[in-house]
Amino acid sequence: MTTLQQIAPQEIEAESFRIIERELGPTPFSPNEFALVRRAIHATGDFSFAEHFRFHPQAVEAGLAAIRAGKNILVDVNMAASGISTALLAQFGGKVICRVAEVQTKKMAQAQGTTRSDAAIERSIGDNIGIVVIGNAPTALLKTMHLIDEGRFAPNLLIGVPVGFVNAVESKDLLLDRASYPYITALGRKGGTPVAVALINALLRLASAA
């Protein structure tokens, strides 16, 4: 017969983190990187992310600097926007931006023959973006990299963890080749909006704790 643990509601997250740390054991991540990995595992229940995540050496510090400077966070889908802790972000003066569902985005995509995800990124390059967070659309990740390579866009950090079978792996492999700017990604097909949201929320908590 299964015996349930009696844990106070406020202790559930802390106990979950202790279980994750115990089951993972030693990892190659820095303490701040591990805070992000741990929250992603907590959000998904998938320990394999500890093997899939890749961090640019300056990724976490670049993300923290962007948050503390009051810069905005650009996301690829509204689901991500709804999951990010806007209260924590607002303490620093930033906001979450998602333009994928806007009428102007649809019109631009139709005029250019691109996806709305692609157009939404391009429409946001002048919006004081510090962190780009992509968990759904490989086209949004590819567009972001293209704009950075052209010198038209300069976010502090690019979190690229799109999930899926069409161009998800390839777009993340291309991101791994970008040693010139900070990024966080996950190898292979794994990823998704819950992972992206977990990563950015972990960064927001680190920024708030300092």
N, C-alpha and C. Protein backbone atom coordinates (compact mmCIF):
# COMPACT_ATOMS: atom_id res chain seq x y z
N MET A 1 0.84 -1.20 0.00
CA MET A 1 0.00 0.00 0.00
C MET A 1 0.88 1.25 0.00
N THR A 2 0.53 2.19 -0.87
CA THR A 2 1.30 3.43 -0.98
C THR A 2 1.05 4.34 0.21
N THR A 3 2.13 4.87 0.77
CA THR A 3 2.03 5.81 1.89
C THR A 3 2.41 7.20 1.40
N LEU A 4 1.50 8.14 1.52
CA LEU A 4 1.76 9.50 1.07
C LEU A 4 2.53 10.28 2.12
N GLN A 5 3.47 11.11 1.64
CA GLN A 5 4.20 11.98 2.55
C GLN A 5 3.31 13.13 3.01
N GLN A 6 3.38 13.46 4.27
CA GLN A 6 2.66 14.61 4.81
C GLN A 6 3.61 15.80 4.83
N ILE A 7 3.43 16.69 3.87
CA ILE A 7 4.32 17.84 3.73
C ILE A 7 3.49 19.11 3.68
N ALA A 8 3.91 20.11 4.44
CA ALA A 8 3.23 21.41 4.42
C ALA A 8 3.31 22.01 3.02
N PRO A 9 2.25 22.69 2.56
CA PRO A 9 2.25 23.24 1.20
C PRO A 9 3.47 24.07 0.86
N GLN A 10 3.92 24.89 1.81
CA GLN A 10 5.06 25.76 1.54
C GLN A 10 6.39 25.01 1.46
N GLU A 11 6.37 23.73 1.85
CA GLU A 11 7.59 22.93 1.82
C GLU A 11 7.67 22.01 0.60
N ILE A 12 6.61 21.96 -0.18
CA ILE A 12 6.58 21.00 -1.30
C ILE A 12 7.68 21.29 -2.31
N GLU A 13 7.83 22.56 -2.71
CA GLU A 13 8.85 22.90 -3.69
C GLU A 13 10.25 22.61 -3.15
N ALA A 14 10.49 22.99 -1.91
CA ALA A 14 11.81 22.76 -1.32
C ALA A 14 12.12 21.27 -1.25
N GLU A 15 11.14 20.46 -0.88
CA GLU A 15 11.35 19.02 -0.83
C GLU A 15 11.57 18.45 -2.23
N SER A 16 10.84 18.97 -3.20
CA SER A 16 11.04 18.54 -4.59
C SER A 16 12.47 18.83 -5.05
N PHE A 17 12.96 20.02 -4.70
CA PHE A 17 14.33 20.38 -5.07
C PHE A 17 15.34 19.45 -4.39
N ARG A 18 15.08 19.09 -3.15
CA ARG A 18 16.00 18.18 -2.45
C ARG A 18 16.02 16.81 -3.12
N ILE A 19 14.86 16.35 -3.55
CA ILE A 19 14.79 15.06 -4.24
C ILE A 19 15.56 15.12 -5.55
N ILE A 20 15.38 16.20 -6.31
CA ILE A 20 16.09 16.36 -7.58
C ILE A 20 17.60 16.37 -7.35
N GLU A 21 18.05 17.13 -6.37
CA GLU A 21 19.48 17.21 -6.09
C GLU A 21 20.04 15.86 -5.67
N ARG A 22 19.28 15.13 -4.87
CA ARG A 22 19.75 13.82 -4.41
C ARG A 22 19.82 12.82 -5.56
N GLU A 23 18.81 12.81 -6.41
CA GLU A 23 18.78 11.84 -7.50
C GLU A 23 19.78 12.18 -8.61
N LEU A 24 20.03 13.46 -8.82
CA LEU A 24 21.01 13.85 -9.85
C LEU A 24 22.44 13.58 -9.40
N GLY A 25 22.73 13.88 -8.14
CA GLY A 25 24.10 13.77 -7.68
C GLY A 25 24.94 14.90 -8.26
N PRO A 26 26.26 14.73 -8.31
CA PRO A 26 27.13 15.78 -8.84
C PRO A 26 26.83 16.08 -10.31
N THR A 27 26.92 17.35 -10.68
CA THR A 27 26.71 17.76 -12.08
C THR A 27 27.85 18.71 -12.49
N PRO A 28 28.00 18.93 -13.79
CA PRO A 28 29.04 19.86 -14.25
C PRO A 28 28.63 21.32 -14.22
N PHE A 29 27.42 21.60 -13.75
CA PHE A 29 26.91 22.96 -13.81
C PHE A 29 27.40 23.82 -12.64
N SER A 30 27.53 25.11 -12.90
CA SER A 30 27.81 26.06 -11.82
C SER A 30 26.57 26.14 -10.94
N PRO A 31 26.69 26.70 -9.72
CA PRO A 31 25.51 26.81 -8.85
C PRO A 31 24.34 27.54 -9.50
N ASN A 32 24.62 28.64 -10.20
CA ASN A 32 23.53 29.38 -10.84
C ASN A 32 22.94 28.61 -12.02
N GLU A 33 23.78 27.97 -12.81
CA GLU A 33 23.28 27.14 -13.90
C GLU A 33 22.41 26.01 -13.35
N PHE A 34 22.86 25.42 -12.25
CA PHE A 34 22.11 24.31 -11.67
C PHE A 34 20.74 24.77 -11.18
N ALA A 35 20.63 26.01 -10.72
CA ALA A 35 19.33 26.53 -10.30
C ALA A 35 18.34 26.51 -11.46
N LEU A 36 18.82 26.79 -12.66
CA LEU A 36 17.96 26.75 -13.84
C LEU A 36 17.62 25.32 -14.24
N VAL A 37 18.63 24.46 -14.23
CA VAL A 37 18.42 23.05 -14.58
C VAL A 37 17.42 22.42 -13.61
N ARG A 38 17.60 22.67 -12.34
CA ARG A 38 16.73 22.10 -11.32
C ARG A 38 15.28 22.52 -11.51
N ARG A 39 15.07 23.80 -11.81
CA ARG A 39 13.69 24.25 -11.98
C ARG A 39 13.07 23.67 -13.25
N ALA A 40 13.86 23.48 -14.29
CA ALA A 40 13.33 22.85 -15.51
C ALA A 40 12.93 21.40 -15.24
N ILE A 41 13.74 20.69 -14.48
CA ILE A 41 13.41 19.31 -14.11
C ILE A 41 12.17 19.29 -13.23
N HIS A 42 12.09 20.24 -12.31
CA HIS A 42 10.92 20.35 -11.44
C HIS A 42 9.65 20.58 -12.26
N ALA A 43 9.75 21.37 -13.33
CA ALA A 43 8.58 21.70 -14.15
C ALA A 43 8.15 20.54 -15.05
N THR A 44 9.09 19.67 -15.39
CA THR A 44 8.80 18.63 -16.38
C THR A 44 8.84 17.21 -15.82
N GLY A 45 9.52 17.02 -14.68
CA GLY A 45 9.73 15.68 -14.16
C GLY A 45 10.71 14.87 -14.98
N ASP A 46 11.46 15.53 -15.85
CA ASP A 46 12.35 14.85 -16.80
C ASP A 46 13.81 15.11 -16.42
N PHE A 47 14.43 14.10 -15.81
CA PHE A 47 15.82 14.25 -15.37
C PHE A 47 16.81 14.28 -16.54
N SER A 48 16.39 13.85 -17.71
CA SER A 48 17.32 13.82 -18.83
C SER A 48 17.74 15.22 -19.28
N PHE A 49 17.00 16.25 -18.86
CA PHE A 49 17.41 17.60 -19.23
C PHE A 49 18.78 17.95 -18.66
N ALA A 50 19.17 17.30 -17.58
CA ALA A 50 20.50 17.55 -17.02
C ALA A 50 21.59 17.15 -18.01
N GLU A 51 21.28 16.25 -18.92
CA GLU A 51 22.24 15.82 -19.93
C GLU A 51 22.12 16.65 -21.21
N HIS A 52 20.98 17.30 -21.40
CA HIS A 52 20.72 17.99 -22.66
C HIS A 52 21.03 19.49 -22.64
N PHE A 53 20.97 20.11 -21.48
CA PHE A 53 21.18 21.56 -21.44
C PHE A 53 22.61 21.94 -21.77
N ARG A 54 22.75 23.04 -22.50
CA ARG A 54 24.05 23.62 -22.80
C ARG A 54 23.98 25.12 -22.51
N PHE A 55 24.99 25.62 -21.78
CA PHE A 55 25.05 27.03 -21.40
C PHE A 55 26.29 27.68 -22.00
N HIS A 56 26.11 28.81 -22.66
CA HIS A 56 27.25 29.66 -22.99
C HIS A 56 27.88 30.10 -21.67
N PRO A 57 29.20 30.24 -21.60
CA PRO A 57 29.85 30.58 -20.31
C PRO A 57 29.31 31.84 -19.64
N GLN A 58 28.83 32.81 -20.42
CA GLN A 58 28.32 34.05 -19.84
C GLN A 58 26.79 34.10 -19.79
N ALA A 59 26.13 32.99 -20.03
CA ALA A 59 24.67 33.00 -20.18
C ALA A 59 23.94 33.52 -18.96
N VAL A 60 24.20 32.93 -17.81
CA VAL A 60 23.44 33.30 -16.62
C VAL A 60 23.71 34.75 -16.22
N GLU A 61 24.96 35.15 -16.21
CA GLU A 61 25.28 36.53 -15.83
C GLU A 61 24.69 37.53 -16.81
N ALA A 62 24.68 37.19 -18.09
CA ALA A 62 24.08 38.09 -19.08
C ALA A 62 22.59 38.23 -18.85
N GLY A 63 21.93 37.12 -18.53
CA GLY A 63 20.50 37.17 -18.26
C GLY A 63 20.18 37.97 -17.01
N LEU A 64 20.96 37.78 -15.96
CA LEU A 64 20.76 38.53 -14.73
C LEU A 64 20.98 40.03 -14.95
N ALA A 65 21.99 40.36 -15.73
CA ALA A 65 22.27 41.77 -16.01
C ALA A 65 21.11 42.41 -16.76
N ALA A 66 20.53 41.67 -17.70
CA ALA A 66 19.40 42.20 -18.48
C ALA A 66 18.20 42.45 -17.58
N ILE A 67 17.90 41.50 -16.71
CA ILE A 67 16.77 41.64 -15.79
C ILE A 67 16.97 42.83 -14.87
N ARG A 68 18.16 42.92 -14.27
CA ARG A 68 18.43 43.99 -13.31
C ARG A 68 18.48 45.36 -13.96
N ALA A 69 18.74 45.40 -15.26
CA ALA A 69 18.75 46.67 -15.99
C ALA A 69 17.35 47.11 -16.42
N GLY A 70 16.35 46.31 -16.10
CA GLY A 70 14.98 46.67 -16.44
C GLY A 70 14.60 46.42 -17.87
N LYS A 71 15.35 45.55 -18.54
CA LYS A 71 15.02 45.25 -19.94
C LYS A 71 13.84 44.28 -20.02
N ASN A 72 13.25 44.23 -21.21
CA ASN A 72 12.07 43.41 -21.44
C ASN A 72 12.43 41.99 -21.89
N ILE A 73 11.47 41.10 -21.75
CA ILE A 73 11.63 39.71 -22.17
C ILE A 73 10.69 39.45 -23.34
N LEU A 74 11.23 38.97 -24.45
CA LEU A 74 10.45 38.66 -25.64
C LEU A 74 10.24 37.16 -25.72
N VAL A 75 8.97 36.74 -25.87
CA VAL A 75 8.65 35.32 -25.96
C VAL A 75 7.96 35.02 -27.29
N ASP A 76 7.98 33.75 -27.68
CA ASP A 76 7.45 33.39 -28.99
C ASP A 76 5.97 33.04 -28.99
N VAL A 77 5.41 32.67 -27.83
CA VAL A 77 3.99 32.31 -27.77
C VAL A 77 3.36 32.87 -26.50
N ASN A 78 2.04 33.07 -26.55
CA ASN A 78 1.33 33.63 -25.40
C ASN A 78 1.35 32.70 -24.19
N MET A 79 1.45 31.40 -24.43
CA MET A 79 1.53 30.46 -23.31
C MET A 79 2.75 30.77 -22.44
N ALA A 80 3.86 31.12 -23.09
CA ALA A 80 5.06 31.49 -22.33
C ALA A 80 4.84 32.79 -21.57
N ALA A 81 4.20 33.74 -22.22
CA ALA A 81 3.95 35.03 -21.57
C ALA A 81 3.12 34.85 -20.30
N SER A 82 2.15 33.94 -20.35
CA SER A 82 1.27 33.74 -19.20
C SER A 82 1.97 32.99 -18.06
N GLY A 83 3.06 32.28 -18.37
CA GLY A 83 3.74 31.49 -17.35
C GLY A 83 4.87 32.20 -16.64
N ILE A 84 5.36 33.28 -17.21
CA ILE A 84 6.49 34.00 -16.62
C ILE A 84 6.02 34.85 -15.44
N SER A 85 6.83 34.90 -14.40
CA SER A 85 6.49 35.68 -13.21
C SER A 85 6.66 37.16 -13.48
N THR A 86 5.60 37.78 -13.98
CA THR A 86 5.67 39.20 -14.32
C THR A 86 5.84 40.08 -13.08
N ALA A 87 5.37 39.59 -11.93
CA ALA A 87 5.54 40.37 -10.70
C ALA A 87 7.01 40.52 -10.35
N LEU A 88 7.78 39.43 -10.48
CA LEU A 88 9.22 39.52 -10.22
C LEU A 88 9.89 40.42 -11.24
N LEU A 89 9.52 40.29 -12.51
CA LEU A 89 10.13 41.10 -13.56
C LEU A 89 9.80 42.58 -13.36
N ALA A 90 8.59 42.87 -12.96
CA ALA A 90 8.17 44.27 -12.79
C ALA A 90 8.94 44.97 -11.69
N GLN A 91 9.46 44.23 -10.72
CA GLN A 91 10.28 44.84 -9.67
C GLN A 91 11.49 45.55 -10.25
N PHE A 92 11.94 45.09 -11.41
CA PHE A 92 13.12 45.68 -12.04
C PHE A 92 12.74 46.65 -13.16
N GLY A 93 11.45 46.74 -13.47
CA GLY A 93 11.00 47.68 -14.50
C GLY A 93 10.77 47.07 -15.86
N GLY A 94 10.96 45.75 -15.99
CA GLY A 94 10.77 45.11 -17.28
C GLY A 94 9.37 44.55 -17.46
N LYS A 95 9.08 44.14 -18.69
CA LYS A 95 7.79 43.52 -18.99
C LYS A 95 7.99 42.40 -20.01
N VAL A 96 6.99 41.56 -20.14
CA VAL A 96 7.02 40.46 -21.10
C VAL A 96 6.30 40.90 -22.36
N ILE A 97 6.91 40.64 -23.51
CA ILE A 97 6.34 41.03 -24.80
C ILE A 97 6.12 39.79 -25.65
N CYS A 98 4.92 39.69 -26.24
CA CYS A 98 4.62 38.63 -27.21
C CYS A 98 3.72 39.23 -28.28
N ARG A 99 4.18 39.25 -29.52
CA ARG A 99 3.43 39.91 -30.59
C ARG A 99 2.85 38.92 -31.60
N VAL A 100 2.92 37.63 -31.30
CA VAL A 100 2.55 36.63 -32.30
C VAL A 100 1.08 36.68 -32.68
N ALA A 101 0.20 37.12 -31.78
CA ALA A 101 -1.23 37.13 -32.07
C ALA A 101 -1.74 38.48 -32.54
N GLU A 102 -0.86 39.47 -32.68
CA GLU A 102 -1.30 40.80 -33.07
C GLU A 102 -1.62 40.88 -34.56
N VAL A 103 -2.58 41.72 -34.90
CA VAL A 103 -3.02 41.85 -36.29
C VAL A 103 -1.87 42.29 -37.19
N GLN A 104 -1.06 43.23 -36.71
CA GLN A 104 0.05 43.72 -37.52
C GLN A 104 1.07 42.62 -37.81
N THR A 105 1.21 41.71 -36.87
CA THR A 105 2.12 40.58 -37.08
C THR A 105 1.60 39.69 -38.19
N LYS A 106 0.32 39.40 -38.16
CA LYS A 106 -0.29 38.58 -39.21
C LYS A 106 -0.13 39.23 -40.58
N LYS A 107 -0.35 40.54 -40.65
CA LYS A 107 -0.22 41.25 -41.92
C LYS A 107 1.21 41.21 -42.43
N MET A 108 2.18 41.41 -41.52
CA MET A 108 3.58 41.37 -41.94
C MET A 108 3.95 39.98 -42.44
N ALA A 109 3.50 38.95 -41.74
CA ALA A 109 3.82 37.58 -42.14
C ALA A 109 3.25 37.29 -43.53
N GLN A 110 2.02 37.72 -43.78
CA GLN A 110 1.40 37.50 -45.09
C GLN A 110 2.13 38.26 -46.19
N ALA A 111 2.52 39.50 -45.89
CA ALA A 111 3.22 40.32 -46.88
C ALA A 111 4.59 39.77 -47.22
N GLN A 112 5.28 39.21 -46.21
CA GLN A 112 6.64 38.72 -46.41
C GLN A 112 6.69 37.23 -46.74
N GLY A 113 5.56 36.56 -46.64
CA GLY A 113 5.54 35.12 -46.90
C GLY A 113 6.27 34.32 -45.85
N THR A 114 6.19 34.78 -44.59
CA THR A 114 6.87 34.11 -43.48
C THR A 114 5.83 33.66 -42.46
N THR A 115 6.29 33.08 -41.36
CA THR A 115 5.40 32.70 -40.28
C THR A 115 5.13 33.89 -39.37
N ARG A 116 4.05 33.81 -38.60
CA ARG A 116 3.78 34.86 -37.62
C ARG A 116 4.85 34.91 -36.54
N SER A 117 5.41 33.74 -36.20
CA SER A 117 6.48 33.71 -35.21
C SER A 117 7.68 34.50 -35.70
N ASP A 118 8.00 34.34 -36.97
CA ASP A 118 9.11 35.05 -37.61
C ASP A 118 8.84 36.56 -37.58
N ALA A 119 7.65 36.95 -38.00
CA ALA A 119 7.30 38.37 -38.06
C ALA A 119 7.25 38.99 -36.67
N ALA A 120 6.77 38.23 -35.68
CA ALA A 120 6.67 38.76 -34.32
C ALA A 120 8.04 39.12 -33.75
N ILE A 121 9.04 38.31 -34.06
CA ILE A 121 10.40 38.62 -33.60
C ILE A 121 10.90 39.89 -34.26
N GLU A 122 10.72 40.00 -35.57
CA GLU A 122 11.23 41.17 -36.29
C GLU A 122 10.54 42.45 -35.82
N ARG A 123 9.28 42.37 -35.48
CA ARG A 123 8.55 43.56 -35.03
C ARG A 123 8.99 44.03 -33.65
N SER A 124 9.76 43.23 -32.95
CA SER A 124 10.08 43.53 -31.55
C SER A 124 11.52 43.98 -31.34
N ILE A 125 12.28 44.14 -32.40
CA ILE A 125 13.71 44.41 -32.22
C ILE A 125 14.00 45.77 -31.59
N GLY A 126 13.03 46.68 -31.62
CA GLY A 126 13.25 48.00 -31.03
C GLY A 126 12.60 48.17 -29.67
N ASP A 127 12.27 47.06 -29.01
CA ASP A 127 11.49 47.12 -27.77
C ASP A 127 12.31 46.90 -26.51
N ASN A 128 13.57 47.32 -26.50
CA ASN A 128 14.43 47.20 -25.32
C ASN A 128 14.44 45.76 -24.80
N ILE A 129 14.68 44.83 -25.70
CA ILE A 129 14.66 43.41 -25.35
C ILE A 129 16.00 42.99 -24.75
N GLY A 130 15.94 42.43 -23.53
CA GLY A 130 17.15 41.92 -22.89
C GLY A 130 17.31 40.43 -23.06
N ILE A 131 16.18 39.71 -23.05
CA ILE A 131 16.21 38.25 -23.16
C ILE A 131 15.14 37.81 -24.15
N VAL A 132 15.53 36.97 -25.08
CA VAL A 132 14.58 36.33 -25.99
C VAL A 132 14.40 34.90 -25.51
N VAL A 133 13.14 34.48 -25.34
CA VAL A 133 12.82 33.17 -24.79
C VAL A 133 11.95 32.41 -25.80
N ILE A 134 12.50 31.34 -26.37
CA ILE A 134 11.79 30.59 -27.41
C ILE A 134 11.70 29.13 -27.01
N GLY A 135 10.47 28.66 -26.82
CA GLY A 135 10.26 27.27 -26.43
C GLY A 135 9.38 26.50 -27.39
N ASN A 136 8.87 27.19 -28.41
CA ASN A 136 7.89 26.55 -29.29
C ASN A 136 8.29 26.56 -30.76
N ALA A 137 8.69 27.71 -31.26
CA ALA A 137 8.83 27.90 -32.71
C ALA A 137 10.28 27.95 -33.17
N PRO A 138 10.75 26.91 -33.86
CA PRO A 138 12.10 26.97 -34.42
C PRO A 138 12.30 28.15 -35.36
N THR A 139 11.23 28.54 -36.09
CA THR A 139 11.37 29.68 -37.00
C THR A 139 11.69 30.96 -36.24
N ALA A 140 11.14 31.10 -35.04
CA ALA A 140 11.44 32.28 -34.22
C ALA A 140 12.89 32.26 -33.77
N LEU A 141 13.40 31.10 -33.44
CA LEU A 141 14.81 30.99 -33.05
C LEU A 141 15.72 31.31 -34.23
N LEU A 142 15.41 30.76 -35.39
CA LEU A 142 16.22 31.03 -36.58
C LEU A 142 16.19 32.52 -36.93
N LYS A 143 15.01 33.14 -36.83
CA LYS A 143 14.89 34.56 -37.14
C LYS A 143 15.70 35.40 -36.16
N THR A 144 15.65 35.06 -34.90
CA THR A 144 16.42 35.80 -33.89
C THR A 144 17.91 35.73 -34.20
N MET A 145 18.41 34.54 -34.49
CA MET A 145 19.83 34.39 -34.81
C MET A 145 20.19 35.18 -36.06
N HIS A 146 19.31 35.15 -37.05
CA HIS A 146 19.56 35.88 -38.30
C HIS A 146 19.66 37.38 -38.03
N LEU A 147 18.75 37.92 -37.22
CA LEU A 147 18.77 39.35 -36.93
C LEU A 147 20.01 39.74 -36.12
N ILE A 148 20.42 38.86 -35.20
CA ILE A 148 21.64 39.13 -34.43
C ILE A 148 22.85 39.11 -35.36
N ASP A 149 22.90 38.12 -36.23
CA ASP A 149 24.03 38.01 -37.16
C ASP A 149 24.12 39.22 -38.08
N GLU A 150 22.98 39.80 -38.42
CA GLU A 150 22.94 40.99 -39.28
C GLU A 150 23.28 42.27 -38.52
N GLY A 151 23.36 42.18 -37.20
CA GLY A 151 23.62 43.37 -36.40
C GLY A 151 22.40 44.23 -36.16
N ARG A 152 21.20 43.70 -36.40
CA ARG A 152 19.96 44.46 -36.23
C ARG A 152 19.32 44.23 -34.86
N PHE A 153 19.81 43.26 -34.12
CA PHE A 153 19.20 42.88 -32.85
C PHE A 153 20.31 42.47 -31.90
N ALA A 154 20.22 42.92 -30.64
CA ALA A 154 21.30 42.62 -29.70
C ALA A 154 20.76 42.33 -28.30
N PRO A 155 19.98 41.28 -28.14
CA PRO A 155 19.56 40.91 -26.78
C PRO A 155 20.75 40.44 -25.96
N ASN A 156 20.65 40.56 -24.65
CA ASN A 156 21.73 40.09 -23.78
C ASN A 156 21.85 38.58 -23.79
N LEU A 157 20.69 37.90 -23.88
CA LEU A 157 20.66 36.44 -23.77
C LEU A 157 19.58 35.88 -24.68
N LEU A 158 19.90 34.78 -25.33
CA LEU A 158 18.93 34.05 -26.15
C LEU A 158 18.72 32.66 -25.55
N ILE A 159 17.51 32.40 -25.08
CA ILE A 159 17.13 31.07 -24.60
C ILE A 159 16.36 30.39 -25.72
N GLY A 160 16.96 29.37 -26.31
CA GLY A 160 16.36 28.69 -27.44
C GLY A 160 16.16 27.22 -27.15
N VAL A 161 14.95 26.84 -26.78
CA VAL A 161 14.65 25.44 -26.48
C VAL A 161 13.38 24.98 -27.20
N PRO A 162 13.24 25.25 -28.51
CA PRO A 162 12.03 24.79 -29.20
C PRO A 162 11.94 23.27 -29.20
N VAL A 163 10.73 22.78 -29.15
CA VAL A 163 10.49 21.35 -29.12
C VAL A 163 9.93 20.90 -30.47
N GLY A 164 10.18 19.65 -30.84
CA GLY A 164 9.52 19.14 -32.03
C GLY A 164 10.42 18.37 -32.96
N PHE A 165 9.89 18.13 -34.17
CA PHE A 165 10.52 17.23 -35.13
C PHE A 165 10.96 17.93 -36.42
N VAL A 166 10.47 19.15 -36.65
CA VAL A 166 10.82 19.87 -37.88
C VAL A 166 11.63 21.11 -37.52
N ASN A 167 12.90 21.05 -37.78
CA ASN A 167 13.85 22.16 -37.58
C ASN A 167 14.15 22.50 -36.13
N ALA A 168 13.57 21.77 -35.19
CA ALA A 168 13.88 22.05 -33.77
C ALA A 168 15.33 21.68 -33.47
N VAL A 169 15.72 20.47 -33.84
CA VAL A 169 17.09 20.02 -33.60
C VAL A 169 18.08 20.89 -34.36
N GLU A 170 17.76 21.14 -35.62
CA GLU A 170 18.69 21.89 -36.48
C GLU A 170 18.88 23.32 -35.98
N SER A 171 17.80 23.97 -35.56
CA SER A 171 17.92 25.36 -35.10
C SER A 171 18.76 25.44 -33.83
N LYS A 172 18.61 24.46 -32.95
CA LYS A 172 19.40 24.45 -31.71
C LYS A 172 20.86 24.11 -31.98
N ASP A 173 21.11 23.25 -32.96
CA ASP A 173 22.49 22.97 -33.35
C ASP A 173 23.17 24.23 -33.88
N LEU A 174 22.44 25.03 -34.65
CA LEU A 174 22.99 26.28 -35.15
C LEU A 174 23.28 27.25 -34.00
N LEU A 175 22.41 27.26 -33.01
CA LEU A 175 22.63 28.14 -31.85
C LEU A 175 23.90 27.74 -31.11
N LEU A 176 24.17 26.46 -31.01
CA LEU A 176 25.38 25.99 -30.34
C LEU A 176 26.65 26.51 -31.01
N ASP A 177 26.56 26.83 -32.29
CA ASP A 177 27.72 27.35 -33.03
C ASP A 177 27.96 28.84 -32.77
N ARG A 178 27.02 29.50 -32.10
CA ARG A 178 27.14 30.94 -31.85
C ARG A 178 27.92 31.19 -30.57
N ALA A 179 29.22 31.20 -30.66
CA ALA A 179 30.04 31.44 -29.47
C ALA A 179 30.16 32.92 -29.15
N SER A 180 29.68 33.79 -30.05
CA SER A 180 29.89 35.22 -29.88
C SER A 180 28.85 35.91 -29.00
N TYR A 181 27.79 35.21 -28.62
CA TYR A 181 26.80 35.81 -27.72
C TYR A 181 26.20 34.76 -26.80
N PRO A 182 25.73 35.19 -25.63
CA PRO A 182 25.23 34.23 -24.63
C PRO A 182 23.93 33.54 -25.04
N TYR A 183 23.85 32.25 -24.76
CA TYR A 183 22.66 31.47 -25.08
C TYR A 183 22.50 30.34 -24.06
N ILE A 184 21.29 29.81 -24.01
CA ILE A 184 20.99 28.56 -23.31
C ILE A 184 20.15 27.72 -24.26
N THR A 185 20.50 26.45 -24.40
CA THR A 185 19.71 25.59 -25.29
C THR A 185 19.68 24.18 -24.72
N ALA A 186 18.91 23.32 -25.38
CA ALA A 186 18.81 21.91 -25.00
C ALA A 186 18.96 21.07 -26.25
N LEU A 187 19.85 20.11 -26.20
CA LEU A 187 20.14 19.29 -27.37
C LEU A 187 18.93 18.43 -27.76
N GLY A 188 18.85 18.11 -29.05
CA GLY A 188 17.86 17.16 -29.52
C GLY A 188 16.46 17.74 -29.65
N ARG A 189 15.48 16.85 -29.63
CA ARG A 189 14.09 17.23 -29.85
C ARG A 189 13.42 17.79 -28.59
N LYS A 190 14.02 17.54 -27.44
CA LYS A 190 13.39 17.97 -26.19
C LYS A 190 13.45 19.49 -26.02
N GLY A 191 12.46 19.98 -25.31
CA GLY A 191 12.36 21.40 -25.03
C GLY A 191 10.92 21.74 -24.74
N GLY A 192 10.47 22.89 -25.21
CA GLY A 192 9.08 23.26 -25.05
C GLY A 192 8.88 24.49 -24.19
N THR A 193 7.69 25.05 -24.28
CA THR A 193 7.37 26.26 -23.54
C THR A 193 7.50 26.09 -22.03
N PRO A 194 7.05 24.98 -21.43
CA PRO A 194 7.24 24.84 -19.97
C PRO A 194 8.71 24.89 -19.56
N VAL A 195 9.59 24.35 -20.40
CA VAL A 195 11.02 24.39 -20.11
C VAL A 195 11.53 25.82 -20.21
N ALA A 196 11.15 26.51 -21.28
CA ALA A 196 11.57 27.90 -21.46
C ALA A 196 11.12 28.77 -20.30
N VAL A 197 9.86 28.60 -19.88
CA VAL A 197 9.32 29.38 -18.77
C VAL A 197 10.06 29.06 -17.48
N ALA A 198 10.34 27.78 -17.25
CA ALA A 198 11.07 27.40 -16.03
C ALA A 198 12.44 28.06 -15.99
N LEU A 199 13.13 28.10 -17.12
CA LEU A 199 14.46 28.71 -17.17
C LEU A 199 14.40 30.20 -16.84
N ILE A 200 13.46 30.91 -17.44
CA ILE A 200 13.42 32.35 -17.21
C ILE A 200 12.92 32.66 -15.80
N ASN A 201 12.01 31.86 -15.28
CA ASN A 201 11.56 32.09 -13.90
C ASN A 201 12.69 31.82 -12.90
N ALA A 202 13.53 30.84 -13.19
CA ALA A 202 14.68 30.60 -12.32
C ALA A 202 15.63 31.80 -12.35
N LEU A 203 15.83 32.38 -13.52
CA LEU A 203 16.67 33.58 -13.62
C LEU A 203 16.07 34.74 -12.82
N LEU A 204 14.77 34.90 -12.92
CA LEU A 204 14.10 35.98 -12.18
C LEU A 204 14.27 35.80 -10.68
N ARG A 205 14.21 34.56 -10.21
CA ARG A 205 14.38 34.31 -8.78
C ARG A 205 15.83 34.57 -8.35
N LEU A 206 16.77 34.21 -9.20
CA LEU A 206 18.16 34.50 -8.88
C LEU A 206 18.40 36.02 -8.80
N ALA A 207 17.81 36.73 -9.75
CA ALA A 207 17.97 38.19 -9.77
C ALA A 207 17.35 38.82 -8.52
N SER A 208 16.20 38.30 -8.10
CA SER A 208 15.52 38.85 -6.93
C SER A 208 16.20 38.52 -5.63
N ALA A 209 16.93 37.39 -5.62
CA ALA A 209 17.57 36.95 -4.37
C ALA A 209 18.86 37.71 -4.07
N ALA A 210 19.42 38.34 -5.07
CA ALA A 210 20.72 39.00 -4.88
C ALA A 210 20.57 40.29 -4.07
